């Protein structure tokens, strides 16, 4: 299983960010072909105390790297990317991970 992981720093206006993320961006992203599951986690603190660097994390699961690449090239993938850059370009860090089964 391959994951596209999006980590979001704290937005200046959390209410506005949440409104767009959960009512616009999330539904666009959920339509991407090949997406098996999408888990969104609100970061509520750090082990050292305090707010921490990140506000939200989204993990998007795909069967393989090929499936992920095809998904990002789809109309829905491009729409999600365009929307992301429109509201959170300066906040988001994207990375790809592979699940490790021991």
C-alpha atoms as a PDB file:
ATOM      1  CA  UNK A   1       0.000   0.000   0.000  1.00  0.00           C
ATOM      2  CA  UNK A   2       1.286   3.459  -0.947  1.00  0.00           C
ATOM      3  CA  UNK A   3       0.242   6.679   0.762  1.00  0.00           C
ATOM      4  CA  UNK A   4       0.243  10.262  -0.367  1.00  0.00           C
ATOM      5  CA  UNK A   5       0.618  12.234   2.861  1.00  0.00           C
ATOM      6  CA  UNK A   6      -0.285  15.907   3.193  1.00  0.00           C
ATOM      7  CA  UNK A   7       0.896  17.777   6.290  1.00  0.00           C
ATOM      8  CA  UNK A   8      -0.582  21.230   6.850  1.00  0.00           C
ATOM      9  CA  UNK A   9       0.959  23.941   9.026  1.00  0.00           C
ATOM     10  CA  UNK A  10      -1.347  26.046  11.173  1.00  0.00           C
ATOM     11  CA  UNK A  11      -3.414  28.374   9.011  1.00  0.00           C
ATOM     12  CA  UNK A  12      -3.881  31.985   9.998  1.00  0.00           C
ATOM     13  CA  UNK A  13      -7.668  31.566   9.995  1.00  0.00           C
ATOM     14  CA  UNK A  14      -8.522  28.025  11.143  1.00  0.00           C
ATOM     15  CA  UNK A  15     -12.286  28.420  10.671  1.00  0.00           C
ATOM     16  CA  UNK A  16     -11.861  29.544   7.064  1.00  0.00           C
ATOM     17  CA  UNK A  17      -9.324  26.763   6.406  1.00  0.00           C
ATOM     18  CA  UNK A  18     -11.603  24.084   7.908  1.00  0.00           C
ATOM     19  CA  UNK A  19     -14.604  25.350   5.944  1.00  0.00           C
ATOM     20  CA  UNK A  20     -12.737  25.052   2.659  1.00  0.00           C
ATOM     21  CA  UNK A  21     -10.864  21.861   3.509  1.00  0.00           C
ATOM     22  CA  UNK A  22     -13.845  19.841   4.719  1.00  0.00           C
ATOM     23  CA  UNK A  23     -16.547  21.245   2.424  1.00  0.00           C
ATOM     24  CA  UNK A  24     -14.627  21.760  -0.819  1.00  0.00           C
ATOM     25  CA  UNK A  25     -11.162  20.193  -0.922  1.00  0.00           C
ATOM     26  CA  UNK A  26     -11.959  16.931   0.837  1.00  0.00           C
ATOM     27  CA  UNK A  27     -14.932  16.110  -1.410  1.00  0.00           C
ATOM     28  CA  UNK A  28     -12.882  16.901  -4.550  1.00  0.00           C
ATOM     29  CA  UNK A  29     -10.038  14.676  -3.352  1.00  0.00           C
ATOM     30  CA  UNK A  30     -12.371  11.834  -2.346  1.00  0.00           C
ATOM     31  CA  UNK A  31     -13.416  11.490  -6.018  1.00  0.00           C
ATOM     32  CA  UNK A  32      -9.886  10.704  -7.263  1.00  0.00           C
ATOM     33  CA  UNK A  33      -9.894   7.343  -9.077  1.00  0.00           C
ATOM     34  CA  UNK A  34      -7.903   4.623  -7.333  1.00  0.00           C
ATOM     35  CA  UNK A  35      -8.104   6.235  -3.903  1.00  0.00           C
ATOM     36  CA  UNK A  36      -8.791   3.377  -1.468  1.00  0.00           C
ATOM     37  CA  UNK A  37      -9.085   5.331   1.758  1.00  0.00           C
ATOM     38  CA  UNK A  38      -8.518   8.843   3.057  1.00  0.00           C
ATOM     39  CA  UNK A  39      -7.750   9.446   6.742  1.00  0.00           C
ATOM     40  CA  UNK A  40      -7.701  13.003   8.089  1.00  0.00           C
ATOM     41  CA  UNK A  41      -6.132  13.694  11.488  1.00  0.00           C
ATOM     42  CA  UNK A  42      -6.250  16.972  13.382  1.00  0.00           C
ATOM     43  CA  UNK A  43      -2.941  17.442  15.214  1.00  0.00           C
ATOM     44  CA  UNK A  44      -3.790  18.513  18.779  1.00  0.00           C
ATOM     45  CA  UNK A  45      -0.345  18.849  20.346  1.00  0.00           C
ATOM     46  CA  UNK A  46       3.176  17.570  20.634  1.00  0.00           C
ATOM     47  CA  UNK A  47       4.783  15.279  23.228  1.00  0.00           C
ATOM     48  CA  UNK A  48       6.808  18.242  24.480  1.00  0.00           C
ATOM     49  CA  UNK A  49       3.633  20.223  25.061  1.00  0.00           C
ATOM     50  CA  UNK A  50       2.202  23.092  23.146  1.00  0.00           C
ATOM     51  CA  UNK A  51       0.624  23.416  19.752  1.00  0.00           C
ATOM     52  CA  UNK A  52       3.286  21.794  17.557  1.00  0.00           C
ATOM     53  CA  UNK A  53       4.239  22.657  13.986  1.00  0.00           C
ATOM     54  CA  UNK A  54       1.337  20.987  12.154  1.00  0.00           C
ATOM     55  CA  UNK A  55      -2.418  21.479  12.181  1.00  0.00           C
ATOM     56  CA  UNK A  56      -3.763  18.679   9.988  1.00  0.00           C
ATOM     57  CA  UNK A  57      -2.575  15.497   8.284  1.00  0.00           C
ATOM     58  CA  UNK A  58      -4.283  13.656   5.459  1.00  0.00           C
ATOM     59  CA  UNK A  59      -3.218  10.152   4.416  1.00  0.00           C
ATOM     60  CA  UNK A  60      -4.490   8.980   1.037  1.00  0.00           C
ATOM     61  CA  UNK A  61      -4.058   5.275   0.325  1.00  0.00           C
ATOM     62  CA  UNK A  62      -3.432   3.689  -3.083  1.00  0.00           C
ATOM     63  CA  UNK A  63      -2.638   0.107  -4.117  1.00  0.00           C
ATOM     64  CA  UNK A  64       0.660   0.978  -5.818  1.00  0.00           C
ATOM     65  CA  UNK A  65       2.921   3.756  -7.057  1.00  0.00           C
ATOM     66  CA  UNK A  66       1.455   3.245 -10.528  1.00  0.00           C
ATOM     67  CA  UNK A  67      -2.090   3.703  -9.211  1.00  0.00           C
ATOM     68  CA  UNK A  68      -1.029   6.876  -7.399  1.00  0.00           C
ATOM     69  CA  UNK A  69       0.669   8.276 -10.517  1.00  0.00           C
ATOM     70  CA  UNK A  70      -2.407   7.553 -12.633  1.00  0.00           C
ATOM     71  CA  UNK A  71      -4.633   9.135  -9.978  1.00  0.00           C
ATOM     72  CA  UNK A  72      -2.604  12.349  -9.960  1.00  0.00           C
ATOM     73  CA  UNK A  73      -2.893  12.570 -13.773  1.00  0.00           C
ATOM     74  CA  UNK A  74      -6.688  12.110 -13.722  1.00  0.00           C
ATOM     75  CA  UNK A  75      -9.064  15.058 -14.079  1.00  0.00           C
ATOM     76  CA  UNK A  76     -10.039  14.642 -10.418  1.00  0.00           C
ATOM     77  CA  UNK A  77      -6.389  14.500  -9.323  1.00  0.00           C
ATOM     78  CA  UNK A  78      -5.584  17.655 -11.248  1.00  0.00           C
ATOM     79  CA  UNK A  79      -8.663  19.392  -9.797  1.00  0.00           C
ATOM     80  CA  UNK A  80      -7.572  18.438  -6.278  1.00  0.00           C
ATOM     81  CA  UNK A  81      -4.043  19.727  -6.895  1.00  0.00           C
ATOM     82  CA  UNK A  82      -5.301  22.990  -8.371  1.00  0.00           C
ATOM     83  CA  UNK A  83      -7.631  23.523  -5.415  1.00  0.00           C
ATOM     84  CA  UNK A  84      -4.843  22.682  -2.952  1.00  0.00           C
ATOM     85  CA  UNK A  85      -2.500  25.250  -4.472  1.00  0.00           C
ATOM     86  CA  UNK A  86      -5.291  27.813  -4.409  1.00  0.00           C
ATOM     87  CA  UNK A  87      -5.984  27.642  -0.683  1.00  0.00           C
ATOM     88  CA  UNK A  88      -2.993  26.026   1.025  1.00  0.00           C
ATOM     89  CA  UNK A  89       0.131  26.224  -1.155  1.00  0.00           C
ATOM     90  CA  UNK A  90       2.164  27.902   1.577  1.00  0.00           C
ATOM     91  CA  UNK A  91       0.874  25.551   4.294  1.00  0.00           C
ATOM     92  CA  UNK A  92       1.183  22.070   2.820  1.00  0.00           C
ATOM     93  CA  UNK A  93       4.029  19.576   2.587  1.00  0.00           C
ATOM     94  CA  UNK A  94       3.380  16.507   0.420  1.00  0.00           C
ATOM     95  CA  UNK A  95       5.228  13.203   0.634  1.00  0.00           C
ATOM     96  CA  UNK A  96       4.824   9.625  -0.545  1.00  0.00           C
ATOM     97  CA  UNK A  97       5.197   6.696   1.832  1.00  0.00           C
ATOM     98  CA  UNK A  98       4.951   2.923   1.735  1.00  0.00           C
ATOM     99  CA  UNK A  99       3.422   0.862   4.497  1.00  0.00           C
ATOM    100  CA  UNK A 100       5.943  -1.436   6.130  1.00  0.00           C
ATOM    101  CA  UNK A 101       4.591  -4.824   7.163  1.00  0.00           C
ATOM    102  CA  UNK A 102       6.743  -6.609   9.692  1.00  0.00           C
END
